[in-house]
PDB file of N, CA and C in Angstrom:
ATOM      1  N   MET A   1     -15.887  19.177   8.073  1.00  0.00           N
ATOM      2  CA  MET A   1     -15.092  18.303   8.943  1.00  0.00           C
ATOM      3  C   MET A   1     -14.289  19.156   9.911  1.00  0.00           C
ATOM      4  N   ASN A   2     -14.270  18.714  11.115  1.00  0.00           N
ATOM      5  CA  ASN A   2     -13.440  19.448  12.050  1.00  0.00           C
ATOM      6  C   ASN A   2     -12.007  18.916  11.992  1.00  0.00           C
ATOM      7  N   LEU A   3     -11.142  19.569  12.700  1.00  0.00           N
ATOM      8  CA  LEU A   3      -9.708  19.262  12.633  1.00  0.00           C
ATOM      9  C   LEU A   3      -9.398  17.847  13.091  1.00  0.00           C
ATOM     10  N   LYS A   4     -10.103  17.348  14.103  1.00  0.00           N
ATOM     11  CA  LYS A   4      -9.833  16.012  14.630  1.00  0.00           C
ATOM     12  C   LYS A   4     -10.145  14.944  13.576  1.00  0.00           C
ATOM     13  N   LYS A   5     -11.264  15.093  12.866  1.00  0.00           N
ATOM     14  CA  LYS A   5     -11.607  14.116  11.841  1.00  0.00           C
ATOM     15  C   LYS A   5     -10.633  14.156  10.675  1.00  0.00           C
ATOM     16  N   LYS A   6     -10.131  15.333  10.334  1.00  0.00           N
ATOM     17  CA  LYS A   6      -9.158  15.439   9.247  1.00  0.00           C
ATOM     18  C   LYS A   6      -7.874  14.706   9.589  1.00  0.00           C
ATOM     19  N   TRP A   7      -7.429  14.821  10.845  1.00  0.00           N
ATOM     20  CA  TRP A   7      -6.217  14.121  11.261  1.00  0.00           C
ATOM     21  C   TRP A   7      -6.412  12.612  11.248  1.00  0.00           C
ATOM     22  N   ILE A   8      -7.594  12.156  11.647  1.00  0.00           N
ATOM     23  CA  ILE A   8      -7.879  10.717  11.640  1.00  0.00           C
ATOM     24  C   ILE A   8      -7.855  10.189  10.207  1.00  0.00           C
ATOM     25  N   VAL A   9      -8.462  10.910   9.280  1.00  0.00           N
ATOM     26  CA  VAL A   9      -8.458  10.502   7.875  1.00  0.00           C
ATOM     27  C   VAL A   9      -7.038  10.519   7.323  1.00  0.00           C
ATOM     28  N   PHE A  10      -6.271  11.540   7.654  1.00  0.00           N
ATOM     29  CA  PHE A  10      -4.892  11.659   7.189  1.00  0.00           C
ATOM     30  C   PHE A  10      -4.050  10.469   7.649  1.00  0.00           C
ATOM     31  N   PHE A  11      -4.130  10.138   8.943  1.00  0.00           N
ATOM     32  CA  PHE A  11      -3.347   9.010   9.453  1.00  0.00           C
ATOM     33  C   PHE A  11      -3.853   7.683   8.895  1.00  0.00           C
ATOM     34  N   GLY A  12      -5.150   7.564   8.642  1.00  0.00           N
ATOM     35  CA  GLY A  12      -5.683   6.352   8.030  1.00  0.00           C
ATOM     36  C   GLY A  12      -5.121   6.134   6.643  1.00  0.00           C
ATOM     37  N   VAL A  13      -5.063   7.205   5.855  1.00  0.00           N
ATOM     38  CA  VAL A  13      -4.513   7.112   4.500  1.00  0.00           C
ATOM     39  C   VAL A  13      -3.028   6.755   4.551  1.00  0.00           C
ATOM     40  N   ILE A  14      -2.291   7.357   5.456  1.00  0.00           N
ATOM     41  CA  ILE A  14      -0.856   7.056   5.591  1.00  0.00           C
ATOM     42  C   ILE A  14      -0.650   5.592   5.967  1.00  0.00           C
ATOM     43  N   ILE A  15      -1.448   5.072   6.886  1.00  0.00           N
ATOM     44  CA  ILE A  15      -1.319   3.675   7.307  1.00  0.00           C
ATOM     45  C   ILE A  15      -1.624   2.734   6.151  1.00  0.00           C
ATOM     46  N   ILE A  16      -2.648   3.047   5.348  1.00  0.00           N
ATOM     47  CA  ILE A  16      -2.991   2.203   4.205  1.00  0.00           C
ATOM     48  C   ILE A  16      -1.869   2.221   3.166  1.00  0.00           C
ATOM     49  N   LEU A  17      -1.262   3.386   2.927  1.00  0.00           N
ATOM     50  CA  LEU A  17      -0.150   3.461   1.977  1.00  0.00           C
ATOM     51  C   LEU A  17       1.049   2.648   2.454  1.00  0.00           C
ATOM     52  N   ILE A  18       1.366   2.752   3.728  1.00  0.00           N
ATOM     53  CA  ILE A  18       2.489   1.985   4.278  1.00  0.00           C
ATOM     54  C   ILE A  18       2.204   0.490   4.188  1.00  0.00           C
ATOM     55  N   ALA A  19       0.960   0.089   4.492  1.00  0.00           N
ATOM     56  CA  ALA A  19       0.596  -1.331   4.402  1.00  0.00           C
ATOM     57  C   ALA A  19       0.721  -1.833   2.965  1.00  0.00           C
ATOM     58  N   GLY A  20       0.329  -1.016   2.001  1.00  0.00           N
ATOM     59  CA  GLY A  20       0.450  -1.405   0.597  1.00  0.00           C
ATOM     60  C   GLY A  20       1.890  -1.577   0.168  1.00  0.00           C
ATOM     61  N   ILE A  21       2.734  -0.659   0.588  1.00  0.00           N
ATOM     62  CA  ILE A  21       4.161  -0.752   0.243  1.00  0.00           C
ATOM     63  C   ILE A  21       4.790  -1.981   0.878  1.00  0.00           C
ATOM     64  N   LEU A  22       4.450  -2.258   2.136  1.00  0.00           N
ATOM     65  CA  LEU A  22       4.994  -3.445   2.800  1.00  0.00           C
ATOM     66  C   LEU A  22       4.476  -4.727   2.149  1.00  0.00           C
ATOM     67  N   ASP A  23       3.231  -4.722   1.698  1.00  0.00           N
ATOM     68  CA  ASP A  23       2.677  -5.884   1.012  1.00  0.00           C
ATOM     69  C   ASP A  23       3.454  -6.165  -0.275  1.00  0.00           C
ATOM     70  N   ILE A  24       3.767  -5.130  -1.009  1.00  0.00           N
ATOM     71  CA  ILE A  24       4.539  -5.304  -2.243  1.00  0.00           C
ATOM     72  C   ILE A  24       5.954  -5.765  -1.921  1.00  0.00           C
ATOM     73  N   LYS A  25       6.562  -5.160  -0.911  1.00  0.00           N
ATOM     74  CA  LYS A  25       7.945  -5.497  -0.557  1.00  0.00           C
ATOM     75  C   LYS A  25       8.084  -6.955  -0.125  1.00  0.00           C
ATOM     76  N   PHE A  26       7.135  -7.438   0.678  1.00  0.00           N
ATOM     77  CA  PHE A  26       7.211  -8.806   1.191  1.00  0.00           C
ATOM     78  C   PHE A  26       6.333  -9.782   0.406  1.00  0.00           C
ATOM     79  N   GLN A  27       5.838  -9.349  -0.753  1.00  0.00           N
ATOM     80  CA  GLN A  27       5.059 -10.172  -1.675  1.00  0.00           C
ATOM     81  C   GLN A  27       3.889 -10.844  -0.967  1.00  0.00           C
ATOM     82  N   GLY A  28       3.039 -10.017  -0.397  1.00  0.00           N
ATOM     83  CA  GLY A  28       1.871 -10.489   0.336  1.00  0.00           C
ATOM     84  C   GLY A  28       0.706 -10.828  -0.567  1.00  0.00           C
ATOM     85  N   LEU A  29      -0.487 -10.886   0.011  1.00  0.00           N
ATOM     86  CA  LEU A  29      -1.683 -11.324  -0.694  1.00  0.00           C
ATOM     87  C   LEU A  29      -2.040 -10.409  -1.860  1.00  0.00           C
ATOM     88  N   PHE A  30      -2.019  -9.116  -1.654  1.00  0.00           N
ATOM     89  CA  PHE A  30      -2.337  -8.188  -2.742  1.00  0.00           C
ATOM     90  C   PHE A  30      -1.350  -8.338  -3.883  1.00  0.00           C
ATOM     91  N   PHE A  31      -0.081  -8.471  -3.560  1.00  0.00           N
ATOM     92  CA  PHE A  31       0.961  -8.636  -4.580  1.00  0.00           C
ATOM     93  C   PHE A  31       0.723  -9.897  -5.395  1.00  0.00           C
ATOM     94  N   GLN A  32       0.345 -10.984  -4.754  1.00  0.00           N
ATOM     95  CA  GLN A  32       0.142 -12.255  -5.448  1.00  0.00           C
ATOM     96  C   GLN A  32      -1.084 -12.230  -6.346  1.00  0.00           C
ATOM     97  N   MET A  33      -2.036 -11.334  -6.079  1.00  0.00           N
ATOM     98  CA  MET A  33      -3.237 -11.240  -6.906  1.00  0.00           C
ATOM     99  C   MET A  33      -2.987 -10.450  -8.192  1.00  0.00           C
ATOM    100  N   LEU A  34      -1.868  -9.745  -8.276  1.00  0.00           N
ATOM    101  CA  LEU A  34      -1.558  -8.948  -9.458  1.00  0.00           C
ATOM    102  C   LEU A  34      -1.116  -9.840 -10.614  1.00  0.00           C
ATOM    103  N   PRO A  35      -1.267  -9.348 -11.853  1.00  0.00           N
ATOM    104  CA  PRO A  35      -0.763 -10.117 -13.005  1.00  0.00           C
ATOM    105  C   PRO A  35       0.762 -10.267 -12.942  1.00  0.00           C
ATOM    106  N   GLU A  36       1.268 -11.273 -13.618  1.00  0.00           N
ATOM    107  CA  GLU A  36       2.704 -11.591 -13.577  1.00  0.00           C
ATOM    108  C   GLU A  36       3.565 -10.429 -14.060  1.00  0.00           C
ATOM    109  N   SER A  37       3.115  -9.731 -15.092  1.00  0.00           N
ATOM    110  CA  SER A  37       3.913  -8.610 -15.615  1.00  0.00           C
ATOM    111  C   SER A  37       4.018  -7.488 -14.581  1.00  0.00           C
ATOM    112  N   MET A  38       2.934  -7.226 -13.862  1.00  0.00           N
ATOM    113  CA  MET A  38       2.949  -6.190 -12.841  1.00  0.00           C
ATOM    114  C   MET A  38       3.812  -6.611 -11.651  1.00  0.00           C
ATOM    115  N   GLN A  39       3.785  -7.898 -11.314  1.00  0.00           N
ATOM    116  CA  GLN A  39       4.619  -8.397 -10.221  1.00  0.00           C
ATOM    117  C   GLN A  39       6.097  -8.210 -10.532  1.00  0.00           C
ATOM    118  N   SER A  40       6.508  -8.532 -11.754  1.00  0.00           N
ATOM    119  CA  SER A  40       7.923  -8.376 -12.103  1.00  0.00           C
ATOM    120  C   SER A  40       8.327  -6.915 -12.102  1.00  0.00           C
ATOM    121  N   PHE A  41       7.442  -6.031 -12.570  1.00  0.00           N
ATOM    122  CA  PHE A  41       7.742  -4.597 -12.556  1.00  0.00           C
ATOM    123  C   PHE A  41       7.910  -4.080 -11.124  1.00  0.00           C
ATOM    124  N   LEU A  42       7.008  -4.468 -10.235  1.00  0.00           N
ATOM    125  CA  LEU A  42       7.084  -4.012  -8.854  1.00  0.00           C
ATOM    126  C   LEU A  42       8.267  -4.629  -8.121  1.00  0.00           C
ATOM    127  N   SER A  43       8.616  -5.863  -8.458  1.00  0.00           N
ATOM    128  CA  SER A  43       9.783  -6.496  -7.841  1.00  0.00           C
ATOM    129  C   SER A  43      11.066  -5.733  -8.189  1.00  0.00           C
ATOM    130  N   ASP A  44      11.122  -5.225  -9.411  1.00  0.00           N
ATOM    131  CA  ASP A  44      12.300  -4.440  -9.805  1.00  0.00           C
ATOM    132  C   ASP A  44      12.374  -3.124  -9.045  1.00  0.00           C
ATOM    133  N   LEU A  45      11.227  -2.534  -8.731  1.00  0.00           N
ATOM    134  CA  LEU A  45      11.217  -1.253  -8.006  1.00  0.00           C
ATOM    135  C   LEU A  45      11.608  -1.426  -6.545  1.00  0.00           C
ATOM    136  N   PHE A  46      11.124  -2.481  -5.925  1.00  0.00           N
ATOM    137  CA  PHE A  46      11.394  -2.676  -4.503  1.00  0.00           C
ATOM    138  C   PHE A  46      12.368  -3.803  -4.328  1.00  0.00           C
TER     139      PHE A  46
END
């Protein structure tokens, strides 16, 4: 992989992580698909 592709992959991973955190924080679709015990645990963290 050249340097340009590595940066694209790096920023893609960062964007996906941020989207996941925001989904948990605002209780989005992914959050609602989780089991109830996991939802309560994540709600306490965020």
